[in-house]
Protein backbone atom coordinates (compact mmCIF):
# COMPACT_ATOMS: atom_id res chain seq x y z
CA UNK A 1 -59.85 38.23 25.64
CA UNK A 2 -57.67 41.16 25.20
CA UNK A 3 -55.06 41.05 22.81
CA UNK A 4 -51.98 41.79 25.35
CA UNK A 5 -53.72 39.38 27.84
CA UNK A 6 -53.96 36.83 25.11
CA UNK A 7 -50.09 37.39 24.41
CA UNK A 8 -49.13 37.06 27.94
CA UNK A 9 -51.11 33.80 28.12
CA UNK A 10 -49.05 32.05 25.31
CA UNK A 11 -46.92 29.13 26.20
CA UNK A 12 -44.57 26.33 24.51
CA UNK A 13 -46.37 24.33 22.16
CA UNK A 14 -49.36 26.66 21.34
CA UNK A 15 -49.84 27.03 17.38
CA UNK A 16 -50.46 30.77 16.55
CA UNK A 17 -50.80 32.61 13.11
CA UNK A 18 -48.08 35.00 11.94
CA UNK A 19 -49.57 37.66 9.74
CA UNK A 20 -46.86 38.51 7.08
CA UNK A 21 -46.63 41.87 5.51
CA UNK A 22 -50.39 42.01 6.80
CA UNK A 23 -51.87 39.67 4.33
CA UNK A 24 -50.12 36.24 4.50
CA UNK A 25 -51.38 34.12 7.44
CA UNK A 26 -48.55 31.26 8.39
CA UNK A 27 -49.24 29.07 11.28
CA UNK A 28 -46.26 28.78 13.65
CA UNK A 29 -45.54 26.95 16.96
CA UNK A 30 -44.39 28.80 20.12
CA UNK A 31 -40.96 27.27 21.25
CA UNK A 32 -39.98 29.57 23.91
CA UNK A 33 -41.09 32.58 26.05
CA UNK A 34 -39.72 34.85 28.30
CA UNK A 35 -40.70 38.23 30.11
CA UNK A 36 -40.05 40.10 26.84
CA UNK A 37 -40.09 37.84 24.03
CA UNK A 38 -42.29 35.09 22.40
CA UNK A 39 -40.11 32.94 20.14
CA UNK A 40 -41.82 30.64 17.48
CA UNK A 41 -41.25 28.20 14.62
CA UNK A 42 -43.22 26.83 11.89
CA UNK A 43 -40.85 23.69 12.14
CA UNK A 44 -40.65 22.94 15.64
CA UNK A 45 -37.86 24.04 18.14
CA UNK A 46 -34.71 23.00 16.72
CA UNK A 47 -35.05 25.38 13.66
CA UNK A 48 -34.47 29.03 13.39
CA UNK A 49 -37.53 31.07 13.66
CA UNK A 50 -38.96 34.29 14.52
CA UNK A 51 -39.08 36.57 17.73
CA UNK A 52 -42.23 38.42 18.82
CA UNK A 53 -42.47 41.20 21.47
CA UNK A 54 -45.02 40.05 24.31
CA UNK A 55 -46.02 43.62 24.64
CA UNK A 56 -47.78 43.87 21.43
CA UNK A 57 -47.28 40.63 19.16
CA UNK A 58 -44.90 42.64 16.54
CA UNK A 59 -42.03 40.60 15.26
CA UNK A 60 -38.43 41.63 16.04
CA UNK A 61 -35.63 41.05 13.47
CA UNK A 62 -32.36 42.98 14.10
CA UNK A 63 -30.86 42.09 10.79
CA UNK A 64 -33.99 43.79 8.92
CA UNK A 65 -33.98 46.69 11.32
CA UNK A 66 -37.30 45.57 12.89
CA UNK A 67 -37.60 46.46 16.54
CA UNK A 68 -41.17 45.59 16.87
CA UNK A 69 -42.07 48.97 18.28
CA UNK A 70 -41.42 51.41 15.41
CA UNK A 71 -41.10 49.08 12.53
CA UNK A 72 -42.18 45.19 12.08
CA UNK A 73 -42.98 42.99 9.03
CA UNK A 74 -45.27 40.59 10.59
CA UNK A 75 -47.19 40.18 13.99
CA UNK A 76 -49.31 37.38 15.84
CA UNK A 77 -52.95 37.73 15.47
CA UNK A 78 -55.67 36.60 17.74
CA UNK A 79 -57.44 33.25 16.92
CA UNK A 80 -61.03 33.86 16.00
């Protein structure tokens, strides 16, 4: 399955891997999705988590200046 196809197929409840700093894998659960973003959290839907672009899987964090296009600190990886 192609990367973008995989990202577009993610749904609430799916468990995926966030690769932090390109080295540290963290299992997280998808808590919501919309046309532009995937929201996920390792602790469940009632805790603050992360936002990723559906187009490329890159994390968006406005506080850190990560737009998920030109800058990011983590991204979702395809399962093996």
